[in-house]
Structure formats: C-alpha cells, structure tokens
C-alpha atoms as a PDB file:
ATOM      1  CA  MET A   1       0.000   0.000   0.000  1.00  0.00           C
ATOM      2  CA  ARG A   2       2.774   2.398   0.902  1.00  0.00           C
ATOM      3  CA  LYS A   3       4.453   1.558  -2.397  1.00  0.00           C
ATOM      4  CA  TRP A   4       1.291   2.547  -4.322  1.00  0.00           C
ATOM      5  CA  LEU A   5       1.002   5.833  -2.454  1.00  0.00           C
ATOM      6  CA  SER A   6       4.652   6.681  -3.159  1.00  0.00           C
ATOM      7  CA  ALA A   7       4.192   5.921  -6.863  1.00  0.00           C
ATOM      8  CA  LEU A   8       1.139   8.192  -7.082  1.00  0.00           C
ATOM      9  CA  ALA A   9       2.940  11.065  -5.340  1.00  0.00           C
ATOM     10  CA  LEU A  10       5.916  10.755  -7.704  1.00  0.00           C
ATOM     11  CA  ALA A  11       3.607  10.812 -10.717  1.00  0.00           C
ATOM     12  CA  GLY A  12       1.923  13.988  -9.442  1.00  0.00           C
ATOM     13  CA  VAL A  13       5.261  15.732  -9.003  1.00  0.00           C
ATOM     14  CA  CYS A  14       6.363  14.805 -12.549  1.00  0.00           C
ATOM     15  CA  ALA A  15       3.058  16.049 -13.999  1.00  0.00           C
ATOM     16  CA  ALA A  16       3.490  19.378 -12.219  1.00  0.00           C
ATOM     17  CA  CYS A  17       7.052  19.726 -13.508  1.00  0.00           C
ATOM     18  CA  GLY A  18       5.944  18.969 -17.072  1.00  0.00           C
ATOM     19  CA  GLY A  19       3.131  21.581 -16.979  1.00  0.00           C
ATOM     20  CA  SER A  20       5.455  24.314 -15.685  1.00  0.00           C
ATOM     21  CA  GLY A  21       7.966  23.664 -18.456  1.00  0.00           C
ATOM     22  CA  SER A  22       5.306  23.903 -21.149  1.00  0.00           C
ATOM     23  CA  SER A  23       4.003  27.166 -19.708  1.00  0.00           C
ATOM     24  CA  THR A  24       7.493  28.686 -19.564  1.00  0.00           C
ATOM     25  CA  GLU A  25       8.237  27.548 -23.108  1.00  0.00           C
ATOM     26  CA  SER A  26       4.933  29.051 -24.358  1.00  0.00           C
ATOM     27  CA  ALA A  27       5.685  32.407 -22.693  1.00  0.00           C
ATOM     28  CA  ALA A  28       9.141  32.476 -24.235  1.00  0.00           C
ATOM     29  CA  THR A  29       7.723  31.703 -27.679  1.00  0.00           C
ATOM     30  CA  GLY A  30       5.153  34.510 -27.348  1.00  0.00           C
ATOM     31  CA  SER A  31       7.871  36.959 -26.321  1.00  0.00           C
ATOM     32  CA  ASP A  32       9.992  36.065 -29.343  1.00  0.00           C
ATOM     33  CA  ALA A  33       7.003  36.555 -31.678  1.00  0.00           C
ATOM     34  CA  LYS A  34       6.353  40.031 -30.271  1.00  0.00           C
ATOM     35  CA  ALA A  35       9.989  40.988 -30.757  1.00  0.00           C
ATOM     36  CA  GLU A  36       9.931  39.749 -34.345  1.00  0.00           C
ATOM     37  CA  GLY A  37       6.713  41.715 -35.020  1.00  0.00           C
ATOM     38  CA  ALA A  38       8.222  44.902 -33.630  1.00  0.00           C
ATOM     39  CA  ALA A  39      11.338  44.428 -35.761  1.00  0.00           C
ATOM     40  CA  ALA A  40       9.204  43.888 -38.880  1.00  0.00           C
ATOM     41  CA  ALA A  41       7.175  47.028 -38.167  1.00  0.00           C
ATOM     42  CA  GLU A  42      10.393  48.995 -37.722  1.00  0.00           C
ATOM     43  CA  SER A  43      11.738  47.783 -41.048  1.00  0.00           C
ATOM     44  CA  LYS A  44       8.539  48.976 -42.819  1.00  0.00           C
ATOM     45  CA  THR A  45       8.721  52.531 -41.341  1.00  0.00           C
ATOM     46  CA  PRO A  46      10.549  54.812 -43.814  1.00  0.00           C
ATOM     47  CA  PRO A  47      13.582  56.609 -42.396  1.00  0.00           C
ATOM     48  CA  ALA A  48      13.161  60.272 -41.512  1.00  0.00           C
ATOM     49  CA  PRO A  49      14.350  62.581 -44.326  1.00  0.00           C
ATOM     50  CA  VAL A  50      17.741  64.192 -43.896  1.00  0.00           C
ATOM     51  CA  TYR A  51      18.011  67.890 -44.705  1.00  0.00           C
ATOM     52  CA  LYS A  52      20.905  70.168 -45.530  1.00  0.00           C
ATOM     53  CA  GLU A  53      21.095  73.928 -45.988  1.00  0.00           C
ATOM     54  CA  ILE A  54      22.079  75.507 -49.303  1.00  0.00           C
ATOM     55  CA  THR A  55      22.565  79.245 -49.734  1.00  0.00           C
ATOM     56  CA  LEU A  56      21.569  80.960 -52.963  1.00  0.00           C
ATOM     57  CA  PRO A  57      23.855  83.978 -53.471  1.00  0.00           C
ATOM     58  CA  ALA A  58      22.652  87.488 -54.212  1.00  0.00           C
ATOM     59  CA  GLY A  59      22.266  87.867 -57.953  1.00  0.00           C
ATOM     60  CA  THR A  60      20.652  84.450 -58.461  1.00  0.00           C
ATOM     61  CA  ALA A  61      18.199  84.760 -61.369  1.00  0.00           C
ATOM     62  CA  LEU A  62      14.554  83.819 -60.815  1.00  0.00           C
ATOM     63  CA  ARG A  63      12.608  83.242 -64.029  1.00  0.00           C
ATOM     64  CA  LEU A  64       8.910  83.502 -63.251  1.00  0.00           C
ATOM     65  CA  ASP A  65       5.387  83.093 -64.591  1.00  0.00           C
ATOM     66  CA  LEU A  66       3.056  85.802 -63.322  1.00  0.00           C
ATOM     67  CA  LYS A  67      -0.137  84.549 -61.698  1.00  0.00           C
ATOM     68  CA  SER A  68      -1.603  88.014 -61.093  1.00  0.00           C
ATOM     69  CA  GLU A  69      -2.416  90.830 -63.475  1.00  0.00           C
ATOM     70  CA  VAL A  70      -0.540  94.125 -63.113  1.00  0.00           C
ATOM     71  CA  ALA A  71      -1.497  97.246 -65.069  1.00  0.00           C
ATOM     72  CA  SER A  72      -0.675 100.941 -65.064  1.00  0.00           C
ATOM     73  CA  ASP A  73      -4.352 101.897 -65.209  1.00  0.00           C
ATOM     74  CA  SER A  74      -5.765  99.495 -62.608  1.00  0.00           C
ATOM     75  CA  SER A  75      -3.074  98.366 -60.132  1.00  0.00           C
ATOM     76  CA  LYS A  76      -2.449 100.233 -56.879  1.00  0.00           C
ATOM     77  CA  VAL A  77       0.634 100.430 -54.691  1.00  0.00           C
ATOM     78  CA  GLU A  78       0.705  97.516 -52.185  1.00  0.00           C
ATOM     79  CA  ASP A  79      -1.593  95.332 -54.304  1.00  0.00           C
ATOM     80  CA  ALA A  80      -0.610  91.667 -53.940  1.00  0.00           C
ATOM     81  CA  VAL A  81       1.328  90.043 -56.771  1.00  0.00           C
ATOM     82  CA  ARG A  82       1.857  86.281 -57.152  1.00  0.00           C
ATOM     83  CA  ALA A  83       4.130  84.263 -59.417  1.00  0.00           C
ATOM     84  CA  SER A  84       5.716  80.818 -59.717  1.00  0.00           C
ATOM     85  CA  LEU A  85       9.126  79.666 -60.856  1.00  0.00           C
ATOM     86  CA  ARG A  86       9.151  78.871 -64.562  1.00  0.00           C
ATOM     87  CA  GLN A  87      12.565  77.171 -64.220  1.00  0.00           C
ATOM     88  CA  ALA A  88      14.093  75.325 -61.260  1.00  0.00           C
ATOM     89  CA  VAL A  89      17.009  76.958 -59.445  1.00  0.00           C
ATOM     90  CA  VAL A  90      19.935  74.512 -59.452  1.00  0.00           C
ATOM     91  CA  ILE A  91      23.238  74.869 -57.574  1.00  0.00           C
ATOM     92  CA  ASP A  92      26.105  72.408 -58.243  1.00  0.00           C
ATOM     93  CA  GLY A  93      23.676  69.869 -59.700  1.00  0.00           C
ATOM     94  CA  GLN A  94      21.313  70.088 -56.691  1.00  0.00           C
ATOM     95  CA  THR A  95      17.777  71.412 -57.249  1.00  0.00           C
ATOM     96  CA  VAL A  96      17.268  73.990 -54.526  1.00  0.00           C
ATOM     97  CA  LEU A  97      13.961  75.484 -55.691  1.00  0.00           C
ATOM     98  CA  PRO A  98      11.892  73.348 -58.085  1.00  0.00           C
ATOM     99  CA  ALA A  99       9.815  74.740 -60.939  1.00  0.00           C
ATOM    100  CA  GLY A 100       6.405  75.741 -59.608  1.00  0.00           C
ATOM    101  CA  THR A 101       7.732  77.218 -56.342  1.00  0.00           C
ATOM    102  CA  GLU A 102       5.306  80.009 -55.380  1.00  0.00           C
ATOM    103  CA  LEU A 103       6.412  83.607 -54.747  1.00  0.00           C
ATOM    104  CA  ALA A 104       4.449  86.519 -53.303  1.00  0.00           C
ATOM    105  CA  GLY A 105       5.097  90.238 -53.443  1.00  0.00           C
ATOM    106  CA  THR A 106       3.509  93.672 -53.854  1.00  0.00           C
ATOM    107  CA  VAL A 107       3.136  96.499 -56.357  1.00  0.00           C
ATOM    108  CA  THR A 108       5.626  99.249 -55.473  1.00  0.00           C
ATOM    109  CA  ASP A 109       4.925 101.954 -58.087  1.00  0.00           C
ATOM    110  CA  VAL A 110       2.193 102.813 -60.606  1.00  0.00           C
ATOM    111  CA  ALA A 111       1.852 105.680 -63.083  1.00  0.00           C
ATOM    112  CA  ARG A 112      -0.816 106.170 -65.727  1.00  0.00           C
ATOM    113  CA  SER A 113       0.147 107.559 -69.097  1.00  0.00           C
ATOM    114  CA  GLY A 114       0.067 111.366 -69.211  1.00  0.00           C
ATOM    115  CA  ARG A 115      -1.700 113.463 -71.847  1.00  0.00           C
ATOM    116  CA  VAL A 116       1.329 115.685 -72.522  1.00  0.00           C
ATOM    117  CA  LYS A 117       4.281 113.748 -71.126  1.00  0.00           C
ATOM    118  CA  GLY A 118       5.037 110.845 -68.848  1.00  0.00           C
ATOM    119  CA  LEU A 119       5.004 107.181 -69.829  1.00  0.00           C
ATOM    120  CA  ALA A 120       2.760 104.620 -68.164  1.00  0.00           C
ATOM    121  CA  LYS A 121       4.528 102.165 -65.870  1.00  0.00           C
ATOM    122  CA  VAL A 122       3.912  99.564 -63.177  1.00  0.00           C
ATOM    123  CA  ALA A 123       6.561  98.128 -60.836  1.00  0.00           C
ATOM    124  CA  TYR A 124       6.589  95.328 -58.254  1.00  0.00           C
ATOM    125  CA  ARG A 125       8.918  93.058 -56.291  1.00  0.00           C
ATOM    126  CA  PHE A 126       8.722  89.774 -54.389  1.00  0.00           C
ATOM    127  CA  THR A 127       9.129  89.420 -50.634  1.00  0.00           C
ATOM    128  CA  SER A 128       8.507  85.736 -49.846  1.00  0.00           C
ATOM    129  CA  LEU A 129       8.397  82.236 -51.287  1.00  0.00           C
ATOM    130  CA  ARG A 130       7.047  78.867 -50.137  1.00  0.00           C
ATOM    131  CA  HIS A 131       9.093  75.688 -50.495  1.00  0.00           C
ATOM    132  CA  ASP A 132       8.472  72.235 -48.981  1.00  0.00           C
ATOM    133  CA  SER A 133       5.725  73.658 -46.702  1.00  0.00           C
ATOM    134  CA  GLU A 134       8.079  76.346 -45.345  1.00  0.00           C
ATOM    135  CA  ARG A 135       7.864  80.108 -45.934  1.00  0.00           C
ATOM    136  CA  TYR A 136      11.039  82.098 -46.601  1.00  0.00           C
ATOM    137  CA  ASP A 137      11.458  85.868 -46.601  1.00  0.00           C
ATOM    138  CA  ILE A 138      13.313  87.083 -49.697  1.00  0.00           C
ATOM    139  CA  THR A 139      14.385  90.357 -51.273  1.00  0.00           C
ATOM    140  CA  THR A 140      14.396  90.747 -55.043  1.00  0.00           C
ATOM    141  CA  ALA A 141      15.141  93.413 -57.599  1.00  0.00           C
ATOM    142  CA  THR A 142      12.143  95.492 -58.636  1.00  0.00           C
ATOM    143  CA  ILE A 143      10.539  94.529 -61.947  1.00  0.00           C
ATOM    144  CA  THR A 144       9.343  97.563 -63.924  1.00  0.00           C
ATOM    145  CA  HIS A 145       7.190  97.532 -67.070  1.00  0.00           C
ATOM    146  CA  GLU A 146       7.038 100.839 -68.967  1.00  0.00           C
ATOM    147  CA  ALA A 147       4.993 101.779 -72.005  1.00  0.00           C
ATOM    148  CA  GLN A 148       6.767 102.582 -75.248  1.00  0.00           C
ATOM    149  CA  PRO A 149       7.083 106.284 -76.167  1.00  0.00           C
ATOM    150  CA  THR A 150       4.610 107.546 -78.786  1.00  0.00           C
ATOM    151  CA  LYS A 151       6.582 110.483 -80.242  1.00  0.00           C
ATOM    152  CA  LYS A 152       6.500 109.080 -83.777  1.00  0.00           C
ATOM    153  CA  GLU A 153       2.761 108.542 -83.660  1.00  0.00           C
ATOM    154  CA  ASP A 154       2.271 112.046 -82.224  1.00  0.00           C
ATOM    155  CA  ALA A 155       4.372 113.560 -85.002  1.00  0.00           C
ATOM    156  CA  LYS A 156       2.305 111.716 -87.592  1.00  0.00           C
ATOM    157  CA  LYS A 157      -0.930 113.081 -86.131  1.00  0.00           C
ATOM    158  CA  ILE A 158       0.401 116.653 -86.207  1.00  0.00           C
ATOM    159  CA  GLY A 159       1.816 116.178 -89.746  1.00  0.00           C
ATOM    160  CA  ILE A 160      -1.415 114.747 -91.096  1.00  0.00           C
ATOM    161  CA  GLY A 161      -3.357 117.650 -89.616  1.00  0.00           C
ATOM    162  CA  ALA A 162      -0.978 120.175 -91.163  1.00  0.00           C
ATOM    163  CA  GLY A 163      -1.152 118.465 -94.562  1.00  0.00           C
ATOM    164  CA  VAL A 164      -4.918 118.419 -94.633  1.00  0.00           C
ATOM    165  CA  GLY A 165      -5.042 122.064 -93.532  1.00  0.00           C
ATOM    166  CA  ALA A 166      -2.575 123.119 -96.234  1.00  0.00           C
ATOM    167  CA  ALA A 167      -4.566 121.356 -98.950  1.00  0.00           C
ATOM    168  CA  VAL A 168      -7.801 122.998 -97.883  1.00  0.00           C
ATOM    169  CA  GLY A 169      -6.118 126.397 -97.571  1.00  0.00           C
ATOM    170  CA  ALA A 170      -4.585 126.128-101.049  1.00  0.00           C
ATOM    171  CA  ILE A 171      -7.980 125.404-102.564  1.00  0.00           C
ATOM    172  CA  ILE A 172      -9.586 128.333-100.818  1.00  0.00           C
ATOM    173  CA  GLY A 173      -6.889 131.029-100.864  1.00  0.00           C
ATOM    174  CA  GLY A 174      -3.914 130.015-102.944  1.00  0.00           C
ATOM    175  CA  GLY A 175      -0.360 130.121-101.553  1.00  0.00           C
ATOM    176  CA  SER A 176      -1.069 132.245 -98.520  1.00  0.00           C
ATOM    177  CA  GLY A 177      -4.123 130.129 -97.837  1.00  0.00           C
ATOM    178  CA  ALA A 178      -2.003 126.975 -97.883  1.00  0.00           C
ATOM    179  CA  ALA A 179       0.354 128.400 -95.250  1.00  0.00           C
ATOM    180  CA  LYS A 180      -2.532 129.447 -93.046  1.00  0.00           C
ATOM    181  CA  GLY A 181      -4.240 126.092 -93.540  1.00  0.00           C
ATOM    182  CA  ALA A 182      -1.086 124.222 -92.596  1.00  0.00           C
ATOM    183  CA  ALA A 183      -0.796 126.205 -89.375  1.00  0.00           C
ATOM    184  CA  ILE A 184      -4.430 125.626 -88.511  1.00  0.00           C
ATOM    185  CA  GLY A 185      -4.250 121.926 -89.391  1.00  0.00           C
ATOM    186  CA  GLY A 186      -1.051 121.459 -87.419  1.00  0.00           C
ATOM    187  CA  GLY A 187      -2.673 123.098 -84.426  1.00  0.00           C
ATOM    188  CA  ALA A 188      -5.619 120.745 -84.699  1.00  0.00           C
ATOM    189  CA  GLY A 189      -3.255 117.764 -84.812  1.00  0.00           C
ATOM    190  CA  THR A 190      -1.397 119.021 -81.776  1.00  0.00           C
ATOM    191  CA  GLY A 191      -4.689 119.445 -79.932  1.00  0.00           C
ATOM    192  CA  ALA A 192      -5.610 115.861 -80.692  1.00  0.00           C
ATOM    193  CA  VAL A 193      -2.278 114.674 -79.282  1.00  0.00           C
ATOM    194  CA  LEU A 194      -2.711 116.734 -76.118  1.00  0.00           C
ATOM    195  CA  ALA A 195      -6.227 115.406 -75.593  1.00  0.00           C
ATOM    196  CA  THR A 196      -5.232 111.763 -75.952  1.00  0.00           C
ATOM    197  CA  ARG A 197      -3.462 109.711 -73.304  1.00  0.00           C
ATOM    198  CA  GLY A 198      -0.546 107.500 -74.329  1.00  0.00           C
ATOM    199  CA  GLU A 199      -0.586 103.726 -74.151  1.00  0.00           C
ATOM    200  CA  GLU A 200      -1.057 101.963 -70.819  1.00  0.00           C
ATOM    201  CA  VAL A 201       1.088  98.974 -69.857  1.00  0.00           C
ATOM    202  CA  ARG A 202      -0.326  95.639 -68.691  1.00  0.00           C
ATOM    203  CA  ARG A 203       0.987  92.175 -67.877  1.00  0.00           C
ATOM    204  CA  GLY A 204      -1.402  89.279 -67.264  1.00  0.00           C
ATOM    205  CA  PRO A 205      -1.183  85.770 -65.784  1.00  0.00           C
ATOM    206  CA  GLY A 206       1.338  83.646 -67.669  1.00  0.00           C
ATOM    207  CA  ALA A 207       3.613  86.568 -68.544  1.00  0.00           C
ATOM    208  CA  ASP A 208       7.282  85.549 -68.518  1.00  0.00           C
ATOM    209  CA  VAL A 209       9.258  87.870 -66.210  1.00  0.00           C
ATOM    210  CA  THR A 210      12.688  87.650 -64.595  1.00  0.00           C
ATOM    211  CA  THR A 211      14.106  89.103 -61.389  1.00  0.00           C
ATOM    212  CA  ARG A 212      17.156  88.486 -59.189  1.00  0.00           C
ATOM    213  CA  LEU A 213      17.784  87.974 -55.491  1.00  0.00           C
ATOM    214  CA  THR A 214      19.331  91.083 -53.954  1.00  0.00           C
ATOM    215  CA  ALA A 215      20.339  89.261 -50.759  1.00  0.00           C
ATOM    216  CA  PRO A 216      21.463  85.658 -50.080  1.00  0.00           C
ATOM    217  CA  LEU A 217      18.743  83.088 -49.346  1.00  0.00           C
ATOM    218  CA  THR A 218      19.392  79.920 -47.318  1.00  0.00           C
ATOM    219  CA  VAL A 219      17.020  77.037 -48.078  1.00  0.00           C
ATOM    220  CA  ARG A 220      16.626  73.632 -46.402  1.00  0.00           C
ATOM    221  CA  VAL A 221      16.624  70.841 -48.990  1.00  0.00           C
ATOM    222  CA  LYS A 222      16.432  67.072 -48.708  1.00  0.00           C
ATOM    223  CA  SER A 223      19.775  65.320 -49.105  1.00  0.00           C
END
C-alpha cells in the first residue's frame, strides 16, 4: 500500500514539472514573436528625411510666370502680386527650388500715361516664397514695365493735320491760304495729341518675367 502511495505522489510531481515547463516555453515563444513583429514594423517605417542647408547667393536669377495681373491703369501700390518659378534653381547639380515654387510680393509703383508727357509704368517686387511647406522671406530686384514712347505717332498726327489744312487752304486762298491752312491743321493735330493719353502697360497671368535675389537666401533641402 505504501508503495502505491509513493508511486502516485511521484507521478503527481512529474506532472506538475511537465506543466510548468510547457508554460514557460509558451511564454518564451510569445515573447519572441512580439519581438519579431516589432522588428518587422520597424523595417517597414521609412527613415526620416535628412536635410541640408544651401545658400543661394545674391544675384541668383529667378525666371517667373506671373499669376496676377498688373497694369498701369488698374493696379495700386501695395496690391498683392503672385508668381511661380518657370525654371528650377539649381546649384552644383542640386535642385534647390523646383519649378512651380510660389512667390508673393507687392506692387511698389504705378503711373498712368500722361496726356502731354510721362510714360505709363507699373513696378513690383517679391518678398517671400514657399518651399516644402516652409515660408522664406526674400528680397528681389524690382521689376518695372514701362509703355513705349509715342513720339513718332504724335508727329504723324500733327503732320497729317498740317497736310490736310494746307490742302484745304490752297484750294480756298492760294499760296497764302495753304500756309494758313497748314498752321491751322497742325494746331488741330497738336490738340488731338494733347487730348489723348498715351498707351497703358499691362501684364497678365502667364507673362514671362525675370528678377534676381538682392540678398542671399538659405534654403533647407532634402539630401
């Protein structure tokens, strides 16, 4: 009887030992699986981008497409002006500012065409740009658009008036009449010139304009 009791006790102890080992082994296996999962997740996460700073020197050309309209007869000083880079800015083979980079600025000067003298003009410059979700303050040379002088056209108007007056005067009063008619006709032509404004100047969206940085600009770019 004692032998049977001893055998049963020994069996119970062995069973307990076996169960503990299985439990420990299962826990270890679960731990390893979690570690492997974490490692796999880490390998799928893209590495954070690395940036470096590149400085564009003063004098760097910026070729732009206007996105706003500017005009001598409608723009006002401090009106907003927008544009985008028509061509990327590249330094030593590295694209610093890609095509399409947006710039913002303001109108700095406006003058309508005068009736007697003074050409129409509109001027503006850019003060900021946006690149890779960051805004940068910039300083650029002023872009000025000025109307072409109309002296030749004015001279034609006066000459045509004088010619017509001379012809009429000659018919009415001979030689002296021609001289008087020329003077009267020339005066009429001059009056027409004085009463008419010269050409205005306008640039609309899509106009190709170029400016330059007047101070260095440091930009963060991806390596």
